[in-house]
Amino acid sequence: MKLVAKVDIQALPAPIHEAFFDYIQTFWEHGELDPQIKELIRMRSAILADCKQ
């Protein structure tokens, strides 16, 4: 069984939003994130960065 959750992290309160990114960054730095997930995060970050400019 595969569970998928879709959460609008922008709608989360700031402390939860920051904790989520700290959590992802920890996995990223220690190489425990699946390469596909890393690529999705990288793409999403690029899209968001372009939208904010």
PDB file of N, CA and C in Angstrom:
ATOM      1  N   MET A   1       0.845  -1.172   0.000  1.00  0.00           N
ATOM      2  CA  MET A   1       0.000   0.000   0.000  1.00  0.00           C
ATOM      3  C   MET A   1       0.895   1.241   0.000  1.00  0.00           C
ATOM      4  N   LYS A   2       0.555   2.188  -0.826  1.00  0.00           N
ATOM      5  CA  LYS A   2       1.319   3.431  -0.930  1.00  0.00           C
ATOM      6  C   LYS A   2       0.440   4.581  -0.459  1.00  0.00           C
ATOM      7  N   LEU A   3       0.927   5.301   0.544  1.00  0.00           N
ATOM      8  CA  LEU A   3       0.192   6.445   1.053  1.00  0.00           C
ATOM      9  C   LEU A   3       0.813   7.717   0.498  1.00  0.00           C
ATOM     10  N   VAL A   4      -0.030   8.605   0.059  1.00  0.00           N
ATOM     11  CA  VAL A   4       0.449   9.869  -0.495  1.00  0.00           C
ATOM     12  C   VAL A   4      -0.316  10.994   0.188  1.00  0.00           C
ATOM     13  N   ALA A   5       0.416  11.965   0.663  1.00  0.00           N
ATOM     14  CA  ALA A   5      -0.212  13.125   1.291  1.00  0.00           C
ATOM     15  C   ALA A   5       0.180  14.361   0.502  1.00  0.00           C
ATOM     16  N   LYS A   6      -0.798  15.184   0.226  1.00  0.00           N
ATOM     17  CA  LYS A   6      -0.526  16.438  -0.461  1.00  0.00           C
ATOM     18  C   LYS A   6      -0.871  17.564   0.508  1.00  0.00           C
ATOM     19  N   VAL A   7       0.139  18.318   0.874  1.00  0.00           N
ATOM     20  CA  VAL A   7      -0.034  19.380   1.859  1.00  0.00           C
ATOM     21  C   VAL A   7       0.480  20.682   1.266  1.00  0.00           C
ATOM     22  N   ASP A   8      -0.314  21.725   1.405  1.00  0.00           N
ATOM     23  CA  ASP A   8       0.135  23.055   0.990  1.00  0.00           C
ATOM     24  C   ASP A   8       0.973  23.617   2.130  1.00  0.00           C
ATOM     25  N   ILE A   9       2.293  23.458   2.021  1.00  0.00           N
ATOM     26  CA  ILE A   9       3.154  23.865   3.124  1.00  0.00           C
ATOM     27  C   ILE A   9       3.155  25.374   3.334  1.00  0.00           C
ATOM     28  N   GLN A  10       2.784  26.134   2.321  1.00  0.00           N
ATOM     29  CA  GLN A  10       2.722  27.591   2.475  1.00  0.00           C
ATOM     30  C   GLN A  10       1.612  27.980   3.447  1.00  0.00           C
ATOM     31  N   ALA A  11       0.594  27.109   3.590  1.00  0.00           N
ATOM     32  CA  ALA A  11      -0.536  27.411   4.458  1.00  0.00           C
ATOM     33  C   ALA A  11      -0.270  27.035   5.916  1.00  0.00           C
ATOM     34  N   LEU A  12       0.839  26.357   6.175  1.00  0.00           N
ATOM     35  CA  LEU A  12       1.159  25.948   7.538  1.00  0.00           C
ATOM     36  C   LEU A  12       1.643  27.145   8.353  1.00  0.00           C
ATOM     37  N   PRO A  13       1.393  27.113   9.673  1.00  0.00           N
ATOM     38  CA  PRO A  13       1.955  28.170  10.526  1.00  0.00           C
ATOM     39  C   PRO A  13       3.477  28.199  10.393  1.00  0.00           C
ATOM     40  N   ALA A  14       4.077  29.364  10.539  1.00  0.00           N
ATOM     41  CA  ALA A  14       5.517  29.542  10.313  1.00  0.00           C
ATOM     42  C   ALA A  14       6.398  28.533  11.050  1.00  0.00           C
ATOM     43  N   PRO A  15       6.171  28.253  12.357  1.00  0.00           N
ATOM     44  CA  PRO A  15       7.057  27.289  13.031  1.00  0.00           C
ATOM     45  C   PRO A  15       6.993  25.887  12.422  1.00  0.00           C
ATOM     46  N   ILE A  16       5.816  25.474  12.000  1.00  0.00           N
ATOM     47  CA  ILE A  16       5.669  24.150  11.382  1.00  0.00           C
ATOM     48  C   ILE A  16       6.323  24.158  10.009  1.00  0.00           C
ATOM     49  N   HIS A  17       6.130  25.235   9.257  1.00  0.00           N
ATOM     50  CA  HIS A  17       6.728  25.390   7.934  1.00  0.00           C
ATOM     51  C   HIS A  17       8.248  25.299   8.038  1.00  0.00           C
ATOM     52  N   GLU A  18       8.835  26.011   9.006  1.00  0.00           N
ATOM     53  CA  GLU A  18      10.288  25.994   9.198  1.00  0.00           C
ATOM     54  C   GLU A  18      10.775  24.618   9.630  1.00  0.00           C
ATOM     55  N   ALA A  19      10.033  23.966  10.524  1.00  0.00           N
ATOM     56  CA  ALA A  19      10.421  22.633  10.998  1.00  0.00           C
ATOM     57  C   ALA A  19      10.394  21.634   9.849  1.00  0.00           C
ATOM     58  N   PHE A  20       9.409  21.757   8.953  1.00  0.00           N
ATOM     59  CA  PHE A  20       9.316  20.863   7.800  1.00  0.00           C
ATOM     60  C   PHE A  20      10.565  21.001   6.928  1.00  0.00           C
ATOM     61  N   PHE A  21      10.976  22.233   6.661  1.00  0.00           N
ATOM     62  CA  PHE A  21      12.149  22.438   5.818  1.00  0.00           C
ATOM     63  C   PHE A  21      13.430  21.990   6.514  1.00  0.00           C
ATOM     64  N   ASP A  22      13.501  22.170   7.839  1.00  0.00           N
ATOM     65  CA  ASP A  22      14.658  21.655   8.585  1.00  0.00           C
ATOM     66  C   ASP A  22      14.727  20.137   8.478  1.00  0.00           C
ATOM     67  N   TYR A  23      13.574  19.498   8.557  1.00  0.00           N
ATOM     68  CA  TYR A  23      13.481  18.036   8.443  1.00  0.00           C
ATOM     69  C   TYR A  23      13.978  17.572   7.071  1.00  0.00           C
ATOM     70  N   ILE A  24      13.485  18.198   6.017  1.00  0.00           N
ATOM     71  CA  ILE A  24      13.893  17.843   4.656  1.00  0.00           C
ATOM     72  C   ILE A  24      15.381  18.117   4.460  1.00  0.00           C
ATOM     73  N   GLN A  25      15.881  19.250   4.963  1.00  0.00           N
ATOM     74  CA  GLN A  25      17.289  19.600   4.802  1.00  0.00           C
ATOM     75  C   GLN A  25      18.187  18.564   5.478  1.00  0.00           C
ATOM     76  N   THR A  26      17.780  18.073   6.643  1.00  0.00           N
ATOM     77  CA  THR A  26      18.570  17.059   7.345  1.00  0.00           C
ATOM     78  C   THR A  26      18.698  15.802   6.498  1.00  0.00           C
ATOM     79  N   PHE A  27      17.579  15.339   5.953  1.00  0.00           N
ATOM     80  CA  PHE A  27      17.628  14.155   5.097  1.00  0.00           C
ATOM     81  C   PHE A  27      18.467  14.415   3.856  1.00  0.00           C
ATOM     82  N   TRP A  28      18.313  15.607   3.276  1.00  0.00           N
ATOM     83  CA  TRP A  28      19.047  15.975   2.060  1.00  0.00           C
ATOM     84  C   TRP A  28      20.551  15.914   2.314  1.00  0.00           C
ATOM     85  N   GLU A  29      20.994  16.532   3.397  1.00  0.00           N
ATOM     86  CA  GLU A  29      22.419  16.615   3.689  1.00  0.00           C
ATOM     87  C   GLU A  29      23.042  15.264   4.016  1.00  0.00           C
ATOM     88  N   HIS A  30      22.252  14.364   4.575  1.00  0.00           N
ATOM     89  CA  HIS A  30      22.788  13.059   4.964  1.00  0.00           C
ATOM     90  C   HIS A  30      22.554  11.995   3.895  1.00  0.00           C
ATOM     91  N   GLY A  31      22.051  12.419   2.742  1.00  0.00           N
ATOM     92  CA  GLY A  31      21.905  11.513   1.609  1.00  0.00           C
ATOM     93  C   GLY A  31      20.842  10.453   1.766  1.00  0.00           C
ATOM     94  N   GLU A  32      19.860  10.685   2.619  1.00  0.00           N
ATOM     95  CA  GLU A  32      18.837   9.682   2.858  1.00  0.00           C
ATOM     96  C   GLU A  32      17.559   9.924   2.056  1.00  0.00           C
ATOM     97  N   LEU A  33      17.536  10.986   1.283  1.00  0.00           N
ATOM     98  CA  LEU A  33      16.365  11.234   0.445  1.00  0.00           C
ATOM     99  C   LEU A  33      16.518  10.493  -0.874  1.00  0.00           C
ATOM    100  N   ASP A  34      15.436   9.934  -1.333  1.00  0.00           N
ATOM    101  CA  ASP A  34      15.407   9.271  -2.628  1.00  0.00           C
ATOM    102  C   ASP A  34      15.811  10.295  -3.695  1.00  0.00           C
ATOM    103  N   PRO A  35      16.652   9.925  -4.663  1.00  0.00           N
ATOM    104  CA  PRO A  35      17.068  10.877  -5.706  1.00  0.00           C
ATOM    105  C   PRO A  35      15.892  11.516  -6.450  1.00  0.00           C
ATOM    106  N   GLN A  36      14.804  10.768  -6.645  1.00  0.00           N
ATOM    107  CA  GLN A  36      13.642  11.342  -7.330  1.00  0.00           C
ATOM    108  C   GLN A  36      12.995  12.431  -6.476  1.00  0.00           C
ATOM    109  N   ILE A  37      12.944  12.210  -5.169  1.00  0.00           N
ATOM    110  CA  ILE A  37      12.375  13.223  -4.283  1.00  0.00           C
ATOM    111  C   ILE A  37      13.263  14.461  -4.276  1.00  0.00           C
ATOM    112  N   LYS A  38      14.578  14.259  -4.253  1.00  0.00           N
ATOM    113  CA  LYS A  38      15.501  15.399  -4.319  1.00  0.00           C
ATOM    114  C   LYS A  38      15.251  16.217  -5.583  1.00  0.00           C
ATOM    115  N   GLU A  39      15.068  15.528  -6.696  1.00  0.00           N
ATOM    116  CA  GLU A  39      14.846  16.232  -7.963  1.00  0.00           C
ATOM    117  C   GLU A  39      13.523  16.994  -7.938  1.00  0.00           C
ATOM    118  N   LEU A  40      12.477  16.403  -7.368  1.00  0.00           N
ATOM    119  CA  LEU A  40      11.189  17.093  -7.267  1.00  0.00           C
ATOM    120  C   LEU A  40      11.310  18.344  -6.399  1.00  0.00           C
ATOM    121  N   ILE A  41      12.038  18.234  -5.290  1.00  0.00           N
ATOM    122  CA  ILE A  41      12.237  19.394  -4.418  1.00  0.00           C
ATOM    123  C   ILE A  41      13.035  20.463  -5.147  1.00  0.00           C
ATOM    124  N   ARG A  42      14.069  20.051  -5.862  1.00  0.00           N
ATOM    125  CA  ARG A  42      14.896  20.996  -6.617  1.00  0.00           C
ATOM    126  C   ARG A  42      14.044  21.716  -7.677  1.00  0.00           C
ATOM    127  N   MET A  43      13.200  20.970  -8.389  1.00  0.00           N
ATOM    128  CA  MET A  43      12.348  21.566  -9.423  1.00  0.00           C
ATOM    129  C   MET A  43      11.345  22.529  -8.797  1.00  0.00           C
ATOM    130  N   ARG A  44      10.726  22.108  -7.695  1.00  0.00           N
ATOM    131  CA  ARG A  44       9.735  22.957  -7.021  1.00  0.00           C
ATOM    132  C   ARG A  44      10.399  24.248  -6.530  1.00  0.00           C
ATOM    133  N   SER A  45      11.592  24.128  -5.973  1.00  0.00           N
ATOM    134  CA  SER A  45      12.312  25.307  -5.498  1.00  0.00           C
ATOM    135  C   SER A  45      12.628  26.255  -6.648  1.00  0.00           C
ATOM    136  N   ALA A  46      13.026  25.701  -7.784  1.00  0.00           N
ATOM    137  CA  ALA A  46      13.333  26.525  -8.958  1.00  0.00           C
ATOM    138  C   ALA A  46      12.080  27.241  -9.453  1.00  0.00           C
ATOM    139  N   ILE A  47      10.969  26.544  -9.458  1.00  0.00           N
ATOM    140  CA  ILE A  47       9.703  27.144  -9.898  1.00  0.00           C
ATOM    141  C   ILE A  47       9.314  28.273  -8.954  1.00  0.00           C
ATOM    142  N   LEU A  48       9.399  28.023  -7.635  1.00  0.00           N
ATOM    143  CA  LEU A  48       9.041  29.050  -6.661  1.00  0.00           C
ATOM    144  C   LEU A  48       9.979  30.247  -6.742  1.00  0.00           C
ATOM    145  N   ALA A  49      11.259  30.003  -6.938  1.00  0.00           N
ATOM    146  CA  ALA A  49      12.229  31.098  -7.042  1.00  0.00           C
ATOM    147  C   ALA A  49      11.923  31.968  -8.254  1.00  0.00           C
ATOM    148  N   ASP A  50      11.552  31.347  -9.356  1.00  0.00           N
ATOM    149  CA  ASP A  50      11.223  32.084 -10.575  1.00  0.00           C
ATOM    150  C   ASP A  50       9.955  32.899 -10.379  1.00  0.00           C
ATOM    151  N   CYS A  51       8.985  32.363  -9.658  1.00  0.00           N
ATOM    152  CA  CYS A  51       7.724  33.067  -9.435  1.00  0.00           C
ATOM    153  C   CYS A  51       7.903  34.284  -8.540  1.00  0.00           C
ATOM    154  N   LYS A  52       8.876  34.236  -7.640  1.00  0.00           N
ATOM    155  CA  LYS A  52       9.071  35.330  -6.690  1.00  0.00           C
ATOM    156  C   LYS A  52       9.904  36.464  -7.263  1.00  0.00           C
ATOM    157  N   GLN A  53      10.502  36.279  -8.427  1.00  0.00           N
ATOM    158  CA  GLN A  53      11.348  37.321  -9.006  1.00  0.00           C
ATOM    159  C   GLN A  53      10.532  38.309  -9.798  1.00  0.00           C
TER     160      GLN A  53
END
